[in-house]
């Protein structure tokens, strides 16, 4: 048997009509609501990852995060920095 990857619990707020549609899909597919949501999220992420504008924004976010991490590392080396 394949080892299952750990999961994270989260909550999700849906309009009632969307909730009904989601439960109908899960029941018709004989699966869980969680599995339907995981599959939809996976497809959405795969689609977004191929979008050049998304890639551009993700790269910008990464560069900003790396700059922040660098500043924090400098502060760790000099506790008086950043004051």
C-alpha atoms as a PDB file:
ATOM      1  CA  UNK A   1       0.000   0.000   0.000  1.00  0.00           C
ATOM      2  CA  UNK A   2       1.309   3.471  -0.912  1.00  0.00           C
ATOM      3  CA  UNK A   3       2.162   5.791   1.949  1.00  0.00           C
ATOM      4  CA  UNK A   4      -0.339   8.649   2.246  1.00  0.00           C
ATOM      5  CA  UNK A   5       0.958  12.191   2.280  1.00  0.00           C
ATOM      6  CA  UNK A   6       0.081  14.182   5.435  1.00  0.00           C
ATOM      7  CA  UNK A   7      -2.825  16.571   5.047  1.00  0.00           C
ATOM      8  CA  UNK A   8      -3.736  19.918   6.561  1.00  0.00           C
ATOM      9  CA  UNK A   9      -7.222  20.692   7.802  1.00  0.00           C
ATOM     10  CA  UNK A  10      -8.878  23.903   6.673  1.00  0.00           C
ATOM     11  CA  UNK A  11     -12.328  25.420   6.646  1.00  0.00           C
ATOM     12  CA  UNK A  12     -14.134  26.730   3.624  1.00  0.00           C
ATOM     13  CA  UNK A  13     -17.144  29.009   3.390  1.00  0.00           C
ATOM     14  CA  UNK A  14     -19.419  28.390   0.426  1.00  0.00           C
ATOM     15  CA  UNK A  15     -22.719  29.807  -0.723  1.00  0.00           C
ATOM     16  CA  UNK A  16     -25.492  27.307  -0.091  1.00  0.00           C
ATOM     17  CA  UNK A  17     -26.108  26.647  -3.791  1.00  0.00           C
ATOM     18  CA  UNK A  18     -22.417  25.925  -4.377  1.00  0.00           C
ATOM     19  CA  UNK A  19     -22.396  23.618  -1.348  1.00  0.00           C
ATOM     20  CA  UNK A  20     -25.373  21.694  -2.741  1.00  0.00           C
ATOM     21  CA  UNK A  21     -23.679  21.391  -6.131  1.00  0.00           C
ATOM     22  CA  UNK A  22     -20.463  20.195  -4.501  1.00  0.00           C
ATOM     23  CA  UNK A  23     -22.226  17.537  -2.448  1.00  0.00           C
ATOM     24  CA  UNK A  24     -24.168  16.406  -5.523  1.00  0.00           C
ATOM     25  CA  UNK A  25     -20.939  15.990  -7.512  1.00  0.00           C
ATOM     26  CA  UNK A  26     -19.276  14.061  -4.674  1.00  0.00           C
ATOM     27  CA  UNK A  27     -22.259  11.742  -4.279  1.00  0.00           C
ATOM     28  CA  UNK A  28     -22.555  11.150  -8.026  1.00  0.00           C
ATOM     29  CA  UNK A  29     -18.828  10.399  -8.270  1.00  0.00           C
ATOM     30  CA  UNK A  30     -19.038   8.197  -5.155  1.00  0.00           C
ATOM     31  CA  UNK A  31     -16.240  10.100  -3.483  1.00  0.00           C
ATOM     32  CA  UNK A  32     -15.761  12.577  -0.669  1.00  0.00           C
ATOM     33  CA  UNK A  33     -16.278  16.311  -0.755  1.00  0.00           C
ATOM     34  CA  UNK A  34     -12.630  16.670   0.275  1.00  0.00           C
ATOM     35  CA  UNK A  35     -11.499  14.669  -2.751  1.00  0.00           C
ATOM     36  CA  UNK A  36     -13.620  16.775  -5.138  1.00  0.00           C
ATOM     37  CA  UNK A  37     -12.166  19.965  -3.625  1.00  0.00           C
ATOM     38  CA  UNK A  38      -8.570  18.633  -3.731  1.00  0.00           C
ATOM     39  CA  UNK A  39      -8.978  17.683  -7.382  1.00  0.00           C
ATOM     40  CA  UNK A  40     -10.459  21.083  -8.295  1.00  0.00           C
ATOM     41  CA  UNK A  41      -7.703  22.935  -6.443  1.00  0.00           C
ATOM     42  CA  UNK A  42      -5.033  20.792  -8.106  1.00  0.00           C
ATOM     43  CA  UNK A  43      -6.435  21.558 -11.554  1.00  0.00           C
ATOM     44  CA  UNK A  44      -6.678  25.272 -10.748  1.00  0.00           C
ATOM     45  CA  UNK A  45      -3.069  25.419  -9.545  1.00  0.00           C
ATOM     46  CA  UNK A  46      -1.823  23.536 -12.617  1.00  0.00           C
ATOM     47  CA  UNK A  47      -3.675  25.964 -14.888  1.00  0.00           C
ATOM     48  CA  UNK A  48      -2.382  29.039 -13.051  1.00  0.00           C
ATOM     49  CA  UNK A  49       1.188  27.711 -13.026  1.00  0.00           C
ATOM     50  CA  UNK A  50       1.201  27.705 -16.846  1.00  0.00           C
ATOM     51  CA  UNK A  51      -0.013  31.334 -17.051  1.00  0.00           C
ATOM     52  CA  UNK A  52       2.878  33.725 -17.899  1.00  0.00           C
ATOM     53  CA  UNK A  53       1.337  36.580 -15.874  1.00  0.00           C
ATOM     54  CA  UNK A  54       1.033  34.304 -12.854  1.00  0.00           C
ATOM     55  CA  UNK A  55       4.652  33.200 -13.274  1.00  0.00           C
ATOM     56  CA  UNK A  56       5.739  36.839 -13.477  1.00  0.00           C
ATOM     57  CA  UNK A  57       3.878  37.740 -10.266  1.00  0.00           C
ATOM     58  CA  UNK A  58       5.116  34.625  -8.460  1.00  0.00           C
ATOM     59  CA  UNK A  59       8.719  35.516  -9.393  1.00  0.00           C
ATOM     60  CA  UNK A  60       8.204  39.072  -8.120  1.00  0.00           C
ATOM     61  CA  UNK A  61       6.784  37.733  -4.839  1.00  0.00           C
ATOM     62  CA  UNK A  62       9.733  35.353  -4.475  1.00  0.00           C
ATOM     63  CA  UNK A  63      12.234  38.170  -5.041  1.00  0.00           C
ATOM     64  CA  UNK A  64      10.483  40.299  -2.406  1.00  0.00           C
ATOM     65  CA  UNK A  65      10.468  37.383   0.047  1.00  0.00           C
ATOM     66  CA  UNK A  66      14.174  36.713  -0.549  1.00  0.00           C
ATOM     67  CA  UNK A  67      14.986  40.381   0.091  1.00  0.00           C
ATOM     68  CA  UNK A  68      13.064  40.221   3.360  1.00  0.00           C
ATOM     69  CA  UNK A  69      14.830  37.006   4.404  1.00  0.00           C
ATOM     70  CA  UNK A  70      18.185  38.627   3.620  1.00  0.00           C
ATOM     71  CA  UNK A  71      17.336  41.644   5.813  1.00  0.00           C
ATOM     72  CA  UNK A  72      16.244  39.359   8.654  1.00  0.00           C
ATOM     73  CA  UNK A  73      19.468  37.372   8.377  1.00  0.00           C
ATOM     74  CA  UNK A  74      21.461  40.604   8.607  1.00  0.00           C
ATOM     75  CA  UNK A  75      19.535  41.552  11.739  1.00  0.00           C
ATOM     76  CA  UNK A  76      20.326  38.158  13.239  1.00  0.00           C
ATOM     77  CA  UNK A  77      24.030  38.843  12.656  1.00  0.00           C
ATOM     78  CA  UNK A  78      23.711  42.352  14.172  1.00  0.00           C
ATOM     79  CA  UNK A  79      21.044  42.510  16.914  1.00  0.00           C
ATOM     80  CA  UNK A  80      21.218  46.337  16.863  1.00  0.00           C
ATOM     81  CA  UNK A  81      20.261  46.499  13.182  1.00  0.00           C
ATOM     82  CA  UNK A  82      16.727  47.462  12.281  1.00  0.00           C
ATOM     83  CA  UNK A  83      16.260  49.621  15.359  1.00  0.00           C
END
